[in-house]
N, C-alpha and C. Protein backbone atom coordinates (compact mmCIF):
# COMPACT_ATOMS: atom_id res chain seq x y z
N UNK A 1 9.94 55.17 29.27
CA UNK A 1 10.47 56.12 30.20
C UNK A 1 11.05 57.30 29.42
N UNK A 2 10.61 58.45 29.72
CA UNK A 2 11.10 59.65 29.05
C UNK A 2 11.80 60.54 30.07
N UNK A 3 12.81 61.21 29.57
CA UNK A 3 13.58 62.13 30.41
C UNK A 3 13.03 63.53 30.20
N UNK A 4 12.53 64.12 31.24
CA UNK A 4 11.98 65.47 31.14
C UNK A 4 12.97 66.46 31.74
N UNK A 5 13.25 67.46 30.96
CA UNK A 5 14.17 68.49 31.41
C UNK A 5 13.40 69.79 31.56
N UNK A 6 13.66 70.49 32.63
CA UNK A 6 13.03 71.79 32.76
C UNK A 6 13.90 72.83 32.06
N UNK A 7 13.47 74.05 32.03
CA UNK A 7 14.15 75.10 31.28
C UNK A 7 15.57 75.35 31.78
N UNK A 8 15.79 75.30 33.08
CA UNK A 8 17.12 75.54 33.64
C UNK A 8 18.10 74.43 33.26
N UNK A 9 17.67 73.20 33.30
CA UNK A 9 18.57 72.09 32.97
C UNK A 9 18.88 72.06 31.47
N UNK A 10 17.93 72.47 30.63
CA UNK A 10 18.20 72.57 29.20
C UNK A 10 19.28 73.62 28.94
N UNK A 11 19.20 74.73 29.61
CA UNK A 11 20.19 75.78 29.43
C UNK A 11 21.57 75.33 29.93
N UNK A 12 21.61 74.60 31.03
CA UNK A 12 22.89 74.11 31.56
C UNK A 12 23.50 73.10 30.59
N UNK A 13 22.70 72.23 30.01
CA UNK A 13 23.19 71.25 29.04
C UNK A 13 23.75 71.95 27.80
N UNK A 14 23.08 72.97 27.33
CA UNK A 14 23.57 73.73 26.18
C UNK A 14 24.90 74.41 26.51
N UNK A 15 25.03 74.95 27.70
CA UNK A 15 26.28 75.60 28.11
C UNK A 15 27.43 74.59 28.16
N UNK A 16 27.17 73.40 28.67
CA UNK A 16 28.20 72.37 28.74
C UNK A 16 28.64 71.97 27.33
N UNK A 17 27.71 71.83 26.42
CA UNK A 17 28.05 71.47 25.03
C UNK A 17 28.89 72.57 24.39
N UNK A 18 28.54 73.82 24.61
CA UNK A 18 29.31 74.93 24.06
C UNK A 18 30.71 74.96 24.66
N UNK A 19 30.85 74.74 25.95
CA UNK A 19 32.16 74.72 26.59
C UNK A 19 33.04 73.58 26.06
N UNK A 20 32.44 72.43 25.83
CA UNK A 20 33.19 71.30 25.26
C UNK A 20 33.66 71.65 23.86
N UNK A 21 32.80 72.26 23.06
CA UNK A 21 33.17 72.68 21.71
C UNK A 21 34.33 73.68 21.74
N UNK A 22 34.27 74.66 22.64
CA UNK A 22 35.33 75.66 22.76
C UNK A 22 36.64 75.00 23.19
N UNK A 23 36.58 74.06 24.13
CA UNK A 23 37.78 73.36 24.59
C UNK A 23 38.43 72.58 23.45
N UNK A 24 37.64 71.83 22.69
CA UNK A 24 38.18 71.04 21.58
C UNK A 24 38.79 71.97 20.52
N UNK A 25 38.11 73.04 20.20
CA UNK A 25 38.61 73.99 19.22
C UNK A 25 39.94 74.61 19.70
N UNK A 26 40.02 74.95 20.98
CA UNK A 26 41.25 75.53 21.53
C UNK A 26 42.41 74.55 21.47
N UNK A 27 42.17 73.29 21.79
CA UNK A 27 43.22 72.28 21.74
C UNK A 27 43.73 72.11 20.30
N UNK A 28 42.82 72.06 19.34
CA UNK A 28 43.21 71.93 17.93
C UNK A 28 44.03 73.13 17.49
N UNK A 29 43.60 74.33 17.85
CA UNK A 29 44.32 75.54 17.43
C UNK A 29 45.70 75.63 18.10
N UNK A 30 45.83 75.20 19.36
CA UNK A 30 47.13 75.22 20.02
C UNK A 30 48.09 74.25 19.34
N UNK A 31 47.59 73.10 18.94
CA UNK A 31 48.42 72.12 18.23
C UNK A 31 48.91 72.69 16.91
N UNK A 32 48.02 73.34 16.17
CA UNK A 32 48.40 73.96 14.89
C UNK A 32 49.41 75.07 15.11
N UNK A 33 49.23 75.87 16.15
CA UNK A 33 50.15 76.97 16.45
C UNK A 33 51.56 76.43 16.71
N UNK A 34 51.67 75.40 17.54
CA UNK A 34 52.98 74.84 17.84
C UNK A 34 53.61 74.20 16.61
N UNK A 35 52.81 73.59 15.76
CA UNK A 35 53.34 73.01 14.53
C UNK A 35 53.87 74.10 13.60
N UNK A 36 53.16 75.21 13.48
CA UNK A 36 53.62 76.32 12.64
C UNK A 36 54.88 76.97 13.20
N UNK A 37 54.97 77.14 14.51
CA UNK A 37 56.17 77.74 15.09
C UNK A 37 57.37 76.81 14.91
N UNK A 38 57.19 75.52 15.01
CA UNK A 38 58.28 74.57 14.78
C UNK A 38 58.74 74.63 13.32
N UNK A 39 57.79 74.72 12.40
CA UNK A 39 58.13 74.84 10.98
C UNK A 39 58.90 76.13 10.72
N UNK A 40 58.50 77.22 11.36
CA UNK A 40 59.18 78.50 11.18
C UNK A 40 60.60 78.44 11.73
N UNK A 41 60.79 77.77 12.86
CA UNK A 41 62.14 77.63 13.42
C UNK A 41 63.04 76.82 12.50
N UNK A 42 62.50 75.76 11.91
CA UNK A 42 63.30 74.94 10.99
C UNK A 42 63.69 75.75 9.75
N UNK A 43 62.76 76.54 9.23
CA UNK A 43 63.06 77.38 8.06
C UNK A 43 64.12 78.42 8.41
N UNK A 44 64.03 79.02 9.57
CA UNK A 44 65.02 80.00 10.01
C UNK A 44 66.38 79.34 10.21
N UNK A 45 66.39 78.12 10.73
CA UNK A 45 67.63 77.36 10.94
C UNK A 45 68.34 77.13 9.61
N UNK A 46 67.62 76.72 8.60
CA UNK A 46 68.22 76.47 7.28
C UNK A 46 68.74 77.78 6.67
N UNK A 47 67.98 78.85 6.82
CA UNK A 47 68.42 80.15 6.30
C UNK A 47 69.70 80.61 6.99
N UNK A 48 69.79 80.43 8.28
CA UNK A 48 70.98 80.85 9.01
C UNK A 48 72.20 80.00 8.66
N UNK A 49 71.99 78.72 8.38
CA UNK A 49 73.11 77.87 7.94
C UNK A 49 73.67 78.40 6.62
N UNK A 50 72.79 78.74 5.69
CA UNK A 50 73.24 79.30 4.41
C UNK A 50 73.98 80.62 4.62
N UNK A 51 73.46 81.46 5.50
CA UNK A 51 74.11 82.74 5.78
C UNK A 51 75.50 82.54 6.39
N UNK A 52 75.62 81.58 7.31
CA UNK A 52 76.92 81.31 7.92
C UNK A 52 77.91 80.74 6.90
N UNK A 53 77.44 79.86 6.05
CA UNK A 53 78.33 79.29 5.03
C UNK A 53 78.81 80.36 4.04
N UNK A 54 77.95 81.31 3.70
CA UNK A 54 78.38 82.42 2.84
C UNK A 54 79.39 83.31 3.56
N UNK A 55 79.19 83.51 4.86
CA UNK A 55 80.15 84.31 5.63
C UNK A 55 81.50 83.59 5.71
N UNK A 56 81.47 82.27 5.81
CA UNK A 56 82.72 81.50 5.83
C UNK A 56 83.47 81.63 4.50
N UNK A 57 82.74 81.60 3.42
CA UNK A 57 83.37 81.75 2.11
C UNK A 57 83.98 83.15 1.98
N UNK A 58 83.23 84.17 2.41
CA UNK A 58 83.75 85.54 2.34
C UNK A 58 85.01 85.70 3.20
N UNK A 59 85.00 85.09 4.38
CA UNK A 59 86.16 85.16 5.25
C UNK A 59 87.36 84.48 4.60
N UNK A 60 87.14 83.33 3.98
CA UNK A 60 88.24 82.61 3.34
C UNK A 60 88.81 83.38 2.15
N UNK A 61 87.94 84.03 1.40
CA UNK A 61 88.43 84.83 0.27
C UNK A 61 89.33 85.96 0.77
N UNK A 62 88.96 86.59 1.87
CA UNK A 62 89.73 87.71 2.37
C UNK A 62 91.02 87.28 3.08
N UNK A 63 90.94 86.22 3.93
CA UNK A 63 92.08 85.84 4.77
C UNK A 63 92.80 84.56 4.30
N UNK A 64 92.35 83.94 3.24
CA UNK A 64 92.96 82.74 2.65
C UNK A 64 92.94 81.52 3.58
N UNK A 65 92.08 81.54 4.58
CA UNK A 65 91.91 80.40 5.48
C UNK A 65 90.55 80.53 6.16
N UNK A 66 90.08 79.41 6.71
CA UNK A 66 88.83 79.44 7.45
C UNK A 66 89.09 79.88 8.89
N UNK A 67 88.11 80.51 9.52
CA UNK A 67 88.32 80.94 10.91
C UNK A 67 88.41 79.75 11.87
N UNK A 68 89.02 79.98 13.03
CA UNK A 68 89.14 78.91 14.03
C UNK A 68 87.78 78.48 14.55
N UNK A 69 86.91 79.45 14.75
CA UNK A 69 85.56 79.15 15.22
C UNK A 69 84.60 80.23 14.70
N UNK A 70 83.33 80.02 14.95
CA UNK A 70 82.32 80.93 14.39
C UNK A 70 82.24 82.27 15.12
N UNK A 71 82.78 82.35 16.33
CA UNK A 71 82.74 83.64 17.03
C UNK A 71 83.61 84.67 16.32
N UNK A 72 84.61 84.23 15.57
CA UNK A 72 85.45 85.15 14.80
C UNK A 72 84.61 85.89 13.76
N UNK A 73 83.67 85.18 13.15
CA UNK A 73 82.79 85.81 12.16
C UNK A 73 81.94 86.91 12.79
N UNK A 74 81.49 86.66 13.99
CA UNK A 74 80.68 87.66 14.69
C UNK A 74 81.52 88.87 15.06
N UNK A 75 82.71 88.61 15.58
CA UNK A 75 83.58 89.71 16.03
C UNK A 75 84.07 90.57 14.86
N UNK A 76 84.29 89.96 13.70
CA UNK A 76 84.78 90.71 12.53
C UNK A 76 83.63 91.32 11.72
N UNK A 77 82.38 91.05 12.10
CA UNK A 77 81.24 91.69 11.44
C UNK A 77 80.71 90.97 10.21
N UNK A 78 81.07 89.70 10.03
CA UNK A 78 80.57 88.97 8.87
C UNK A 78 79.12 88.53 9.06
N UNK A 79 78.71 88.33 10.28
CA UNK A 79 77.31 87.98 10.55
C UNK A 79 76.76 88.96 11.59
N UNK A 80 75.55 89.41 11.32
CA UNK A 80 74.93 90.39 12.21
C UNK A 80 73.51 90.01 12.62
N UNK A 81 72.81 89.26 11.79
CA UNK A 81 71.39 88.98 12.02
C UNK A 81 71.13 87.68 12.77
N UNK A 82 72.17 87.03 13.23
CA UNK A 82 72.00 85.75 13.93
C UNK A 82 72.27 85.98 15.41
N UNK A 83 71.42 85.43 16.26
CA UNK A 83 71.59 85.57 17.70
C UNK A 83 72.86 84.87 18.14
N UNK A 84 73.50 85.43 19.17
CA UNK A 84 74.73 84.86 19.69
C UNK A 84 74.60 84.62 21.19
N UNK A 85 75.47 83.75 21.70
CA UNK A 85 75.49 83.52 23.15
C UNK A 85 76.46 84.51 23.80
N UNK A 86 76.78 84.30 25.05
CA UNK A 86 77.63 85.25 25.77
C UNK A 86 79.08 85.26 25.29
N UNK A 87 79.50 84.24 24.55
CA UNK A 87 80.86 84.20 24.00
C UNK A 87 80.90 84.55 22.52
N UNK A 88 79.86 85.11 22.00
CA UNK A 88 79.73 85.54 20.60
C UNK A 88 79.65 84.40 19.60
N UNK A 89 79.32 83.21 20.06
CA UNK A 89 79.08 82.10 19.13
C UNK A 89 77.64 82.19 18.64
N UNK A 90 77.40 82.08 17.34
CA UNK A 90 76.02 82.09 16.83
C UNK A 90 75.26 80.87 17.35
N UNK A 91 74.01 81.10 17.70
CA UNK A 91 73.18 79.99 18.19
C UNK A 91 71.98 79.79 17.27
N UNK A 92 71.51 78.56 17.23
CA UNK A 92 70.37 78.19 16.38
C UNK A 92 69.08 78.74 16.98
N UNK A 93 68.00 78.72 16.23
CA UNK A 93 66.71 79.13 16.79
C UNK A 93 66.25 78.20 17.92
N UNK A 94 66.89 77.03 18.03
CA UNK A 94 66.55 76.07 19.07
C UNK A 94 67.39 76.27 20.33
N UNK A 95 68.32 77.26 20.30
CA UNK A 95 69.08 77.60 21.48
C UNK A 95 70.43 76.90 21.62
N UNK A 96 70.88 76.18 20.62
CA UNK A 96 72.17 75.49 20.68
C UNK A 96 73.14 76.13 19.70
N UNK A 97 74.42 75.86 19.90
CA UNK A 97 75.43 76.37 18.98
C UNK A 97 75.40 75.60 17.67
N UNK A 98 75.77 76.28 16.60
CA UNK A 98 75.89 75.63 15.31
C UNK A 98 77.12 74.72 15.32
N UNK A 99 77.06 73.64 14.54
CA UNK A 99 78.18 72.71 14.43
C UNK A 99 79.04 73.16 13.25
N UNK A 100 80.28 73.53 13.55
CA UNK A 100 81.20 74.06 12.54
C UNK A 100 82.37 73.09 12.38
N UNK A 101 82.62 72.68 11.15
CA UNK A 101 83.76 71.82 10.84
C UNK A 101 84.78 72.66 10.06
N UNK A 102 85.86 73.04 10.73
CA UNK A 102 86.87 73.90 10.11
C UNK A 102 87.56 73.19 8.95
N UNK A 103 87.74 71.89 9.08
CA UNK A 103 88.41 71.13 8.02
C UNK A 103 87.69 71.29 6.68
N UNK A 104 86.35 71.28 6.74
CA UNK A 104 85.55 71.40 5.51
C UNK A 104 85.13 72.84 5.24
N UNK A 105 85.22 73.69 6.25
CA UNK A 105 84.81 75.09 6.10
C UNK A 105 83.31 75.23 5.95
N UNK A 106 82.55 74.41 6.70
CA UNK A 106 81.10 74.44 6.58
C UNK A 106 80.44 74.33 7.94
N UNK A 107 79.25 74.88 8.00
CA UNK A 107 78.37 74.68 9.14
C UNK A 107 77.44 73.54 8.75
N UNK A 108 77.35 72.54 9.61
CA UNK A 108 76.57 71.35 9.29
C UNK A 108 75.14 71.47 9.82
N UNK A 109 74.26 70.72 9.17
CA UNK A 109 72.85 70.71 9.60
C UNK A 109 72.66 69.78 10.77
């Protein structure tokens, strides 16, 4: 028993195969894109922690104590490149506030 395809059905089968290939390629590329954006957010998060810790050290050198909270650094101009919420607290690339321990004078990961 042989399967005979006419010209129209051969063309439809080729189109279906091409569409499946495009779908699989798109899914793979979307996965890679989200993985790269997550990696970029993590790298930015680490960079911002270092920037905040340097601002804390600068504040302590000038005022001989650590600030009560991180919004003080924003209001006094020690940090400028980090996004803030409506109360001037710096927020992570993930949308949450940084964890600040005044006792240690550090922003934690």
